[in-house]
N, C-alpha and C. Protein backbone atom coordinates (compact mmCIF):
# COMPACT_ATOMS: atom_id res chain seq x y z
N MET A 1 0.84 -1.16 0.00
CA MET A 1 0.00 0.00 0.00
C MET A 1 0.88 1.23 0.00
N ALA A 2 0.57 2.14 -0.88
CA ALA A 2 1.38 3.35 -1.01
C ALA A 2 1.13 4.28 0.15
N SER A 3 2.19 4.89 0.62
CA SER A 3 2.02 5.83 1.74
C SER A 3 1.56 7.18 1.20
N LEU A 4 0.83 7.86 2.01
CA LEU A 4 0.28 9.15 1.63
C LEU A 4 1.26 10.25 1.98
N SER A 5 1.32 11.24 1.11
CA SER A 5 2.19 12.37 1.39
C SER A 5 1.55 13.21 2.49
N ASN A 6 2.34 14.08 3.06
CA ASN A 6 1.83 14.97 4.12
C ASN A 6 0.65 15.80 3.62
N PHE A 7 0.73 16.26 2.40
CA PHE A 7 -0.34 17.08 1.83
C PHE A 7 -1.62 16.26 1.68
N GLU A 8 -1.48 15.02 1.18
CA GLU A 8 -2.65 14.16 1.02
C GLU A 8 -3.25 13.81 2.38
N LEU A 9 -2.42 13.55 3.35
CA LEU A 9 -2.89 13.24 4.70
C LEU A 9 -3.60 14.45 5.30
N TYR A 10 -3.01 15.60 5.11
CA TYR A 10 -3.60 16.85 5.59
C TYR A 10 -4.95 17.09 4.90
N SER A 11 -5.02 16.86 3.60
CA SER A 11 -6.26 17.04 2.83
C SER A 11 -7.34 16.08 3.32
N LEU A 12 -6.98 14.83 3.54
CA LEU A 12 -7.94 13.85 4.06
C LEU A 12 -8.44 14.23 5.46
N THR A 13 -7.52 14.72 6.27
CA THR A 13 -7.91 15.14 7.62
C THR A 13 -8.90 16.31 7.55
N ILE A 14 -8.61 17.28 6.71
CA ILE A 14 -9.51 18.44 6.53
C ILE A 14 -10.85 17.96 6.00
N PHE A 15 -10.82 17.07 5.03
CA PHE A 15 -12.05 16.54 4.44
C PHE A 15 -12.89 15.82 5.50
N ALA A 16 -12.25 15.00 6.30
CA ALA A 16 -12.96 14.27 7.36
C ALA A 16 -13.53 15.24 8.38
N PHE A 17 -12.77 16.28 8.71
CA PHE A 17 -13.23 17.29 9.65
C PHE A 17 -14.45 18.04 9.09
N VAL A 18 -14.40 18.40 7.83
CA VAL A 18 -15.52 19.10 7.18
C VAL A 18 -16.77 18.20 7.19
N ILE A 19 -16.61 16.94 6.89
CA ILE A 19 -17.73 16.00 6.92
C ILE A 19 -18.30 15.92 8.33
N PHE A 20 -17.41 15.81 9.33
CA PHE A 20 -17.86 15.73 10.72
C PHE A 20 -18.62 16.99 11.12
N VAL A 21 -18.08 18.16 10.83
CA VAL A 21 -18.73 19.43 11.17
C VAL A 21 -20.07 19.55 10.47
N SER A 22 -20.13 19.16 9.20
CA SER A 22 -21.40 19.25 8.48
C SER A 22 -22.44 18.32 9.09
N GLN A 23 -22.03 17.15 9.55
CA GLN A 23 -22.96 16.23 10.21
C GLN A 23 -23.47 16.81 11.53
N VAL A 24 -22.56 17.45 12.27
CA VAL A 24 -22.96 18.10 13.52
C VAL A 24 -23.96 19.22 13.23
N ILE A 25 -23.70 20.01 12.22
CA ILE A 25 -24.61 21.11 11.85
C ILE A 25 -25.96 20.56 11.44
N ILE A 26 -25.98 19.52 10.66
CA ILE A 26 -27.24 18.90 10.23
C ILE A 26 -28.01 18.40 11.44
N PHE A 27 -27.30 17.78 12.38
CA PHE A 27 -27.95 17.31 13.60
C PHE A 27 -28.54 18.47 14.40
N ILE A 28 -27.78 19.54 14.56
CA ILE A 28 -28.26 20.70 15.33
C ILE A 28 -29.47 21.33 14.66
N VAL A 29 -29.41 21.50 13.35
CA VAL A 29 -30.54 22.08 12.63
C VAL A 29 -31.79 21.20 12.77
N ALA A 30 -31.61 19.90 12.62
CA ALA A 30 -32.75 18.99 12.76
C ALA A 30 -33.32 19.03 14.18
N TYR A 31 -32.44 19.06 15.16
CA TYR A 31 -32.87 19.13 16.55
C TYR A 31 -33.64 20.43 16.82
N ASN A 32 -33.08 21.55 16.35
CA ASN A 32 -33.75 22.84 16.54
C ASN A 32 -35.09 22.88 15.83
N LYS A 33 -35.16 22.28 14.67
CA LYS A 33 -36.43 22.25 13.93
C LYS A 33 -37.47 21.44 14.72
N ARG A 34 -37.04 20.32 15.29
CA ARG A 34 -37.96 19.52 16.12
C ARG A 34 -38.42 20.31 17.33
N GLU A 35 -37.50 21.01 17.96
CA GLU A 35 -37.85 21.82 19.14
C GLU A 35 -38.80 22.95 18.76
N ILE A 36 -38.55 23.60 17.64
CA ILE A 36 -39.44 24.67 17.19
C ILE A 36 -40.82 24.10 16.88
N ASN A 37 -40.87 22.97 16.22
CA ASN A 37 -42.16 22.34 15.94
C ASN A 37 -42.88 21.96 17.23
N LYS A 38 -42.12 21.48 18.20
CA LYS A 38 -42.69 21.11 19.49
C LYS A 38 -43.27 22.35 20.18
N LYS A 39 -42.54 23.45 20.17
CA LYS A 39 -43.02 24.69 20.80
C LYS A 39 -44.22 25.24 20.04
N HIS A 40 -44.18 25.13 18.74
CA HIS A 40 -45.32 25.58 17.93
C HIS A 40 -46.56 24.78 18.28
N THR A 41 -46.41 23.49 18.44
CA THR A 41 -47.53 22.63 18.83
C THR A 41 -48.04 23.02 20.21
N GLN A 42 -47.12 23.32 21.13
CA GLN A 42 -47.54 23.73 22.47
C GLN A 42 -48.33 25.05 22.41
N ILE A 43 -47.87 25.99 21.60
CA ILE A 43 -48.58 27.27 21.47
C ILE A 43 -49.97 27.02 20.87
N ILE A 44 -50.06 26.16 19.87
CA ILE A 44 -51.36 25.84 19.27
C ILE A 44 -52.27 25.20 20.31
N ASN A 45 -51.71 24.30 21.13
CA ASN A 45 -52.50 23.66 22.19
C ASN A 45 -53.00 24.69 23.20
N ILE A 46 -52.17 25.64 23.54
CA ILE A 46 -52.58 26.70 24.48
C ILE A 46 -53.70 27.52 23.86
N LYS A 47 -53.56 27.85 22.59
CA LYS A 47 -54.59 28.63 21.90
C LYS A 47 -55.90 27.85 21.86
N GLN A 48 -55.84 26.55 21.59
CA GLN A 48 -57.05 25.73 21.57
C GLN A 48 -57.65 25.64 22.97
N ASP A 49 -56.79 25.55 23.96
CA ASP A 49 -57.26 25.53 25.35
C ASP A 49 -57.98 26.83 25.68
N MET A 50 -57.44 27.94 25.21
CA MET A 50 -58.08 29.23 25.44
C MET A 50 -59.45 29.27 24.76
N GLU A 51 -59.54 28.71 23.57
CA GLU A 51 -60.82 28.67 22.87
C GLU A 51 -61.84 27.82 23.62
N LYS A 52 -61.38 26.68 24.17
CA LYS A 52 -62.28 25.83 24.97
C LYS A 52 -62.77 26.58 26.21
N LYS A 53 -61.85 27.25 26.88
CA LYS A 53 -62.22 28.01 28.06
C LYS A 53 -63.20 29.12 27.69
N ASP A 54 -62.99 29.72 26.54
CA ASP A 54 -63.90 30.77 26.08
C ASP A 54 -65.31 30.20 25.89
N ALA A 55 -65.41 29.02 25.30
CA ALA A 55 -66.71 28.39 25.11
C ALA A 55 -67.36 28.07 26.46
N GLU A 56 -66.55 27.59 27.42
CA GLU A 56 -67.07 27.32 28.76
C GLU A 56 -67.57 28.60 29.42
N MET A 57 -66.81 29.67 29.28
CA MET A 57 -67.22 30.94 29.87
C MET A 57 -68.52 31.44 29.26
N GLN A 58 -68.64 31.28 27.96
CA GLN A 58 -69.87 31.72 27.29
C GLN A 58 -71.08 30.95 27.80
N LYS A 59 -70.93 29.65 27.97
CA LYS A 59 -72.02 28.84 28.52
C LYS A 59 -72.41 29.29 29.92
N LEU A 60 -71.39 29.55 30.73
CA LEU A 60 -71.67 30.01 32.09
C LEU A 60 -72.36 31.38 32.09
N LYS A 61 -71.92 32.25 31.24
CA LYS A 61 -72.56 33.57 31.15
C LYS A 61 -74.02 33.44 30.74
N GLU A 62 -74.27 32.58 29.77
CA GLU A 62 -75.66 32.36 29.33
C GLU A 62 -76.49 31.77 30.46
N PHE A 63 -75.90 30.88 31.23
CA PHE A 63 -76.58 30.28 32.38
C PHE A 63 -76.95 31.36 33.39
N ILE A 64 -76.02 32.25 33.67
CA ILE A 64 -76.27 33.32 34.64
C ILE A 64 -77.41 34.21 34.16
N VAL A 65 -77.36 34.60 32.91
CA VAL A 65 -78.41 35.47 32.37
C VAL A 65 -79.76 34.78 32.43
N LYS A 66 -79.79 33.52 32.04
CA LYS A 66 -81.05 32.76 32.05
C LYS A 66 -81.61 32.67 33.47
N LYS A 67 -80.74 32.38 34.43
CA LYS A 67 -81.18 32.25 35.81
C LYS A 67 -81.63 33.60 36.38
N GLU A 68 -80.95 34.67 35.99
CA GLU A 68 -81.36 36.00 36.47
C GLU A 68 -82.72 36.39 35.92
N GLN A 69 -83.01 35.97 34.70
CA GLN A 69 -84.27 36.33 34.06
C GLN A 69 -85.43 35.48 34.55
N SER A 70 -85.13 34.29 35.06
CA SER A 70 -86.22 33.43 35.55
C SER A 70 -86.60 33.84 36.96
N ASN A 71 -87.86 33.72 37.25
CA ASN A 71 -88.35 34.08 38.58
C ASN A 71 -88.75 32.85 39.36
N THR A 72 -88.08 31.76 39.09
CA THR A 72 -88.46 30.51 39.76
C THR A 72 -87.91 30.49 41.17
N THR A 73 -88.62 29.81 42.03
CA THR A 73 -88.19 29.70 43.42
C THR A 73 -87.08 28.68 43.60
N THR A 74 -86.80 27.90 42.56
CA THR A 74 -85.73 26.91 42.67
C THR A 74 -84.36 27.56 42.62
N TYR A 75 -84.33 28.82 42.31
CA TYR A 75 -83.05 29.52 42.21
C TYR A 75 -83.02 30.63 43.26
N VAL A 76 -83.02 30.24 44.51
CA VAL A 76 -83.14 31.17 45.62
C VAL A 76 -81.86 31.99 45.82
N HIS A 77 -80.71 31.37 45.68
CA HIS A 77 -79.45 32.04 46.00
C HIS A 77 -78.77 32.60 44.75
N SER A 78 -79.49 33.34 43.96
CA SER A 78 -78.95 33.79 42.68
C SER A 78 -77.70 34.66 42.83
N LYS A 79 -77.65 35.55 43.81
CA LYS A 79 -76.46 36.40 43.97
C LYS A 79 -75.25 35.57 44.39
N THR A 80 -75.45 34.62 45.28
CA THR A 80 -74.36 33.74 45.70
C THR A 80 -73.89 32.88 44.55
N ASP A 81 -74.86 32.29 43.84
CA ASP A 81 -74.51 31.46 42.69
C ASP A 81 -73.78 32.28 41.63
N LYS A 82 -74.25 33.50 41.42
CA LYS A 82 -73.62 34.36 40.41
C LYS A 82 -72.17 34.64 40.81
N LYS A 83 -71.93 34.93 42.08
CA LYS A 83 -70.57 35.20 42.52
C LYS A 83 -69.68 33.97 42.31
N ILE A 84 -70.17 32.81 42.67
CA ILE A 84 -69.40 31.57 42.49
C ILE A 84 -69.07 31.36 41.02
N ILE A 85 -70.09 31.51 40.19
CA ILE A 85 -69.88 31.30 38.76
C ILE A 85 -68.94 32.35 38.18
N MET A 86 -69.08 33.60 38.60
CA MET A 86 -68.19 34.64 38.10
C MET A 86 -66.75 34.39 38.55
N ASP A 87 -66.57 33.86 39.76
CA ASP A 87 -65.22 33.49 40.21
C ASP A 87 -64.63 32.41 39.30
N ILE A 88 -65.46 31.44 38.96
CA ILE A 88 -65.01 30.37 38.05
C ILE A 88 -64.63 30.98 36.70
N LEU A 89 -65.47 31.86 36.21
CA LEU A 89 -65.18 32.51 34.93
C LEU A 89 -63.85 33.26 35.00
N TYR A 90 -63.66 34.00 36.06
CA TYR A 90 -62.45 34.78 36.20
C TYR A 90 -61.21 33.88 36.20
N GLN A 91 -61.32 32.73 36.84
CA GLN A 91 -60.18 31.83 36.92
C GLN A 91 -59.83 31.18 35.58
N THR A 92 -60.77 31.17 34.66
CA THR A 92 -60.48 30.55 33.36
C THR A 92 -59.79 31.52 32.41
N HIS A 93 -59.66 32.76 32.79
CA HIS A 93 -59.01 33.73 31.90
C HIS A 93 -57.50 33.57 31.94
N ILE A 94 -56.89 33.87 30.84
CA ILE A 94 -55.44 33.77 30.74
C ILE A 94 -54.75 34.88 31.52
N SER A 95 -55.49 35.92 31.87
CA SER A 95 -54.87 37.06 32.54
C SER A 95 -54.47 36.75 33.98
N ILE A 96 -54.94 35.66 34.54
CA ILE A 96 -54.54 35.28 35.89
C ILE A 96 -53.02 35.05 35.86
N ASP A 97 -52.33 35.56 36.87
CA ASP A 97 -50.87 35.55 36.86
C ASP A 97 -50.26 34.18 36.59
N ASP A 98 -50.75 33.13 37.26
CA ASP A 98 -50.19 31.79 37.04
C ASP A 98 -50.40 31.33 35.61
N ASN A 99 -51.62 31.53 35.09
CA ASN A 99 -51.90 31.15 33.71
C ASN A 99 -51.05 31.98 32.75
N TRP A 100 -50.94 33.25 33.04
CA TRP A 100 -50.18 34.13 32.15
C TRP A 100 -48.70 33.77 32.16
N ASP A 101 -48.15 33.50 33.33
CA ASP A 101 -46.73 33.14 33.41
C ASP A 101 -46.44 31.87 32.62
N PHE A 102 -47.30 30.86 32.75
CA PHE A 102 -47.12 29.63 31.98
C PHE A 102 -47.23 29.92 30.49
N PHE A 103 -48.26 30.69 30.12
CA PHE A 103 -48.46 31.05 28.72
C PHE A 103 -47.23 31.76 28.18
N MET A 104 -46.71 32.73 28.93
CA MET A 104 -45.56 33.51 28.46
C MET A 104 -44.30 32.65 28.34
N SER A 105 -44.15 31.67 29.22
CA SER A 105 -42.98 30.80 29.10
C SER A 105 -43.03 30.01 27.79
N GLN A 106 -44.22 29.57 27.42
CA GLN A 106 -44.38 28.85 26.16
C GLN A 106 -44.23 29.80 24.98
N PHE A 107 -44.81 30.97 25.09
CA PHE A 107 -44.73 31.97 24.02
C PHE A 107 -43.28 32.38 23.78
N ALA A 108 -42.54 32.59 24.86
CA ALA A 108 -41.15 33.04 24.76
C ALA A 108 -40.26 32.01 24.07
N GLU A 109 -40.61 30.75 24.19
CA GLU A 109 -39.83 29.73 23.50
C GLU A 109 -40.11 29.75 22.00
N MET A 110 -41.32 30.15 21.64
CA MET A 110 -41.67 30.21 20.22
C MET A 110 -41.20 31.52 19.59
N TYR A 111 -41.36 32.60 20.32
CA TYR A 111 -40.96 33.94 19.86
C TYR A 111 -40.02 34.55 20.91
N PRO A 112 -38.78 34.07 20.96
CA PRO A 112 -37.91 34.44 22.07
C PRO A 112 -37.57 35.93 22.18
N ASP A 113 -37.57 36.65 21.08
CA ASP A 113 -37.16 38.05 21.12
C ASP A 113 -38.33 39.03 21.13
N PHE A 114 -39.53 38.54 21.03
CA PHE A 114 -40.67 39.44 20.85
C PHE A 114 -40.84 40.41 22.03
N VAL A 115 -41.01 39.90 23.23
CA VAL A 115 -41.25 40.77 24.39
C VAL A 115 -40.01 41.61 24.68
N LEU A 116 -38.84 41.03 24.55
CA LEU A 116 -37.61 41.77 24.77
C LEU A 116 -37.49 42.94 23.80
N THR A 117 -37.82 42.69 22.54
CA THR A 117 -37.78 43.76 21.54
C THR A 117 -38.77 44.86 21.88
N ILE A 118 -39.98 44.48 22.29
CA ILE A 118 -40.98 45.48 22.69
C ILE A 118 -40.45 46.32 23.85
N LYS A 119 -39.91 45.64 24.87
CA LYS A 119 -39.42 46.37 26.05
C LYS A 119 -38.23 47.26 25.72
N ASN A 120 -37.36 46.79 24.83
CA ASN A 120 -36.19 47.60 24.46
C ASN A 120 -36.56 48.77 23.57
N ASP A 121 -37.39 48.51 22.57
CA ASP A 121 -37.74 49.56 21.61
C ASP A 121 -38.79 50.53 22.16
N PHE A 122 -39.61 50.04 23.07
CA PHE A 122 -40.70 50.85 23.64
C PHE A 122 -40.69 50.66 25.16
N PRO A 123 -39.73 51.30 25.86
CA PRO A 123 -39.53 51.02 27.28
C PRO A 123 -40.70 51.41 28.20
N ASN A 124 -41.60 52.23 27.73
CA ASN A 124 -42.74 52.64 28.57
C ASN A 124 -43.95 51.73 28.41
N THR A 125 -43.76 50.58 27.83
CA THR A 125 -44.87 49.67 27.58
C THR A 125 -45.35 49.04 28.88
N SER A 126 -46.66 49.10 29.09
CA SER A 126 -47.25 48.53 30.32
C SER A 126 -47.40 47.02 30.17
N LYS A 127 -47.64 46.35 31.31
CA LYS A 127 -47.85 44.90 31.28
C LYS A 127 -49.09 44.55 30.46
N THR A 128 -50.12 45.36 30.59
CA THR A 128 -51.35 45.10 29.83
C THR A 128 -51.10 45.25 28.34
N GLU A 129 -50.34 46.25 27.95
CA GLU A 129 -50.02 46.44 26.53
C GLU A 129 -49.21 45.25 26.00
N ILE A 130 -48.31 44.74 26.81
CA ILE A 130 -47.53 43.56 26.39
C ILE A 130 -48.47 42.37 26.21
N LYS A 131 -49.43 42.21 27.10
CA LYS A 131 -50.39 41.12 26.96
C LYS A 131 -51.16 41.26 25.65
N VAL A 132 -51.63 42.46 25.38
CA VAL A 132 -52.42 42.71 24.15
C VAL A 132 -51.57 42.43 22.92
N LEU A 133 -50.33 42.91 22.91
CA LEU A 133 -49.44 42.71 21.77
C LEU A 133 -49.07 41.24 21.59
N THR A 134 -48.88 40.54 22.70
CA THR A 134 -48.54 39.12 22.65
C THR A 134 -49.66 38.31 22.03
N LEU A 135 -50.89 38.59 22.45
CA LEU A 135 -52.03 37.87 21.88
C LEU A 135 -52.22 38.22 20.41
N ALA A 136 -51.94 39.47 20.05
CA ALA A 136 -52.03 39.87 18.64
C ALA A 136 -50.98 39.13 17.81
N LYS A 137 -49.81 38.90 18.40
CA LYS A 137 -48.75 38.16 17.70
C LYS A 137 -49.20 36.75 17.36
N LEU A 138 -50.07 36.19 18.21
CA LEU A 138 -50.60 34.85 17.96
C LEU A 138 -51.75 34.87 16.95
N GLY A 139 -52.14 36.06 16.52
CA GLY A 139 -53.19 36.16 15.51
C GLY A 139 -54.58 36.36 16.09
N LEU A 140 -54.70 36.63 17.39
CA LEU A 140 -56.01 36.87 17.98
C LEU A 140 -56.46 38.29 17.64
N ASN A 141 -57.72 38.43 17.28
CA ASN A 141 -58.25 39.76 17.00
C ASN A 141 -58.66 40.42 18.31
N TYR A 142 -59.20 41.65 18.23
CA TYR A 142 -59.58 42.38 19.44
C TYR A 142 -60.57 41.59 20.30
N THR A 143 -61.57 41.03 19.67
CA THR A 143 -62.61 40.31 20.40
C THR A 143 -62.04 39.09 21.10
N GLU A 144 -61.24 38.30 20.39
CA GLU A 144 -60.64 37.10 20.98
C GLU A 144 -59.69 37.47 22.12
N SER A 145 -58.91 38.52 21.92
CA SER A 145 -57.99 38.97 22.98
C SER A 145 -58.76 39.43 24.20
N ALA A 146 -59.84 40.16 23.97
CA ALA A 146 -60.66 40.65 25.09
C ALA A 146 -61.22 39.48 25.89
N LYS A 147 -61.69 38.46 25.20
CA LYS A 147 -62.25 37.30 25.90
C LYS A 147 -61.17 36.61 26.73
N GLN A 148 -59.98 36.49 26.19
CA GLN A 148 -58.91 35.80 26.91
C GLN A 148 -58.42 36.59 28.12
N LEU A 149 -58.48 37.91 28.02
CA LEU A 149 -58.00 38.74 29.12
C LEU A 149 -59.12 39.12 30.08
N GLY A 150 -60.34 38.77 29.72
CA GLY A 150 -61.47 39.07 30.60
C GLY A 150 -61.83 40.54 30.64
N VAL A 151 -61.64 41.21 29.51
CA VAL A 151 -61.96 42.63 29.41
C VAL A 151 -62.85 42.85 28.19
N THR A 152 -63.22 44.09 27.96
CA THR A 152 -64.04 44.40 26.80
C THR A 152 -63.16 44.60 25.57
N THR A 153 -63.80 44.51 24.43
CA THR A 153 -63.10 44.78 23.18
C THR A 153 -62.60 46.22 23.16
N GLN A 154 -63.39 47.12 23.72
CA GLN A 154 -62.98 48.53 23.78
C GLN A 154 -61.71 48.71 24.61
N ALA A 155 -61.55 47.93 25.66
CA ALA A 155 -60.33 48.01 26.47
C ALA A 155 -59.10 47.63 25.64
N ILE A 156 -59.25 46.62 24.80
CA ILE A 156 -58.14 46.20 23.93
C ILE A 156 -57.82 47.32 22.94
N ARG A 157 -58.86 47.88 22.33
CA ARG A 157 -58.66 49.00 21.38
C ARG A 157 -57.97 50.18 22.08
N THR A 158 -58.42 50.48 23.28
CA THR A 158 -57.85 51.60 24.02
C THR A 158 -56.39 51.36 24.35
N ASN A 159 -56.05 50.13 24.75
CA ASN A 159 -54.64 49.81 25.02
C ASN A 159 -53.79 49.99 23.78
N TRP A 160 -54.27 49.54 22.65
CA TRP A 160 -53.53 49.70 21.40
C TRP A 160 -53.41 51.18 21.05
N TYR A 161 -54.48 51.94 21.20
CA TYR A 161 -54.50 53.37 20.91
C TYR A 161 -53.45 54.09 21.77
N ARG A 162 -53.46 53.80 23.06
CA ARG A 162 -52.52 54.46 23.98
C ARG A 162 -51.08 54.07 23.66
N PHE A 163 -50.86 52.78 23.39
CA PHE A 163 -49.51 52.33 23.03
C PHE A 163 -49.02 53.05 21.78
N ARG A 164 -49.88 53.09 20.78
CA ARG A 164 -49.53 53.73 19.52
C ARG A 164 -49.23 55.21 19.73
N ASN A 165 -50.05 55.91 20.51
CA ASN A 165 -49.85 57.35 20.72
C ASN A 165 -48.61 57.66 21.54
N LYS A 166 -48.40 56.94 22.63
CA LYS A 166 -47.25 57.27 23.47
C LYS A 166 -45.92 56.92 22.81
N ASN A 167 -45.96 56.07 21.78
CA ASN A 167 -44.74 55.71 21.06
C ASN A 167 -44.66 56.35 19.68
N SER A 168 -45.56 57.30 19.43
CA SER A 168 -45.57 58.07 18.18
C SER A 168 -45.58 57.19 16.93
N LEU A 169 -46.42 56.16 16.97
CA LEU A 169 -46.56 55.29 15.80
C LEU A 169 -47.63 55.87 14.89
N GLN A 170 -47.61 55.46 13.64
CA GLN A 170 -48.59 55.96 12.67
C GLN A 170 -50.00 55.64 13.14
N THR A 171 -50.90 56.59 12.95
CA THR A 171 -52.28 56.44 13.38
C THR A 171 -52.97 55.29 12.66
N LYS A 172 -52.65 55.08 11.41
CA LYS A 172 -53.31 54.04 10.63
C LYS A 172 -52.67 52.66 10.79
N LEU A 173 -51.59 52.58 11.56
CA LEU A 173 -50.91 51.31 11.76
C LEU A 173 -51.79 50.38 12.59
N SER A 174 -52.08 49.22 12.05
CA SER A 174 -52.90 48.25 12.79
C SER A 174 -52.01 47.44 13.73
N ILE A 175 -52.61 46.91 14.74
CA ILE A 175 -51.88 46.08 15.70
C ILE A 175 -51.30 44.85 15.01
N CYS A 176 -52.05 44.30 14.06
CA CYS A 176 -51.56 43.12 13.32
C CYS A 176 -50.32 43.44 12.52
N ASP A 177 -50.34 44.58 11.82
CA ASP A 177 -49.18 44.98 11.03
C ASP A 177 -47.99 45.28 11.93
N PHE A 178 -48.26 45.87 13.08
CA PHE A 178 -47.19 46.20 14.02
C PHE A 178 -46.48 44.94 14.51
N VAL A 179 -47.25 43.96 14.98
CA VAL A 179 -46.62 42.76 15.55
C VAL A 179 -45.94 41.91 14.47
N LYS A 180 -46.38 42.03 13.22
CA LYS A 180 -45.72 41.29 12.14
C LYS A 180 -44.30 41.82 11.92
N GLN A 181 -44.10 43.09 12.23
CA GLN A 181 -42.78 43.72 12.02
C GLN A 181 -41.77 43.29 13.09
N ILE A 182 -42.25 42.74 14.17
CA ILE A 182 -41.35 42.40 15.30
C ILE A 182 -41.08 40.91 15.31
């Protein structure tokens, strides 16, 4: 067997190193893609969970209205029942700190720079404005965001209006267009 010259040996070593590095890069890219897909699935699951909770809240609200409108004696403790049901409704909202913290941990893995960019570029942003912008980033409209935060649609509009004004953003800039840029 013929011996290899130093140059040929060096070339083979470089070639083997390049192959090894490319395999490592392929592995890292594949792993990151799996992780991103996993986080994307988690975000979708959270969004679906929010939609289920919204449906539950709507049913409870309809129940409360129906019971308030009925004058039957079988519903003696309507104010107590209403308070209990409203407490349940409140707990299903994403705005509750524990729910929000979990949601944000999942969101941050999917969009790691979003909140940081907002805070850096717009340092006067309130927690509520961050919540509104975060939900908009997920594609929720004003009504859906309001339901998830347990506020009115007007409150969401007002938060966006105030955010836009205090940061001197264009009046016609929509929240959807804004979050797409970040």
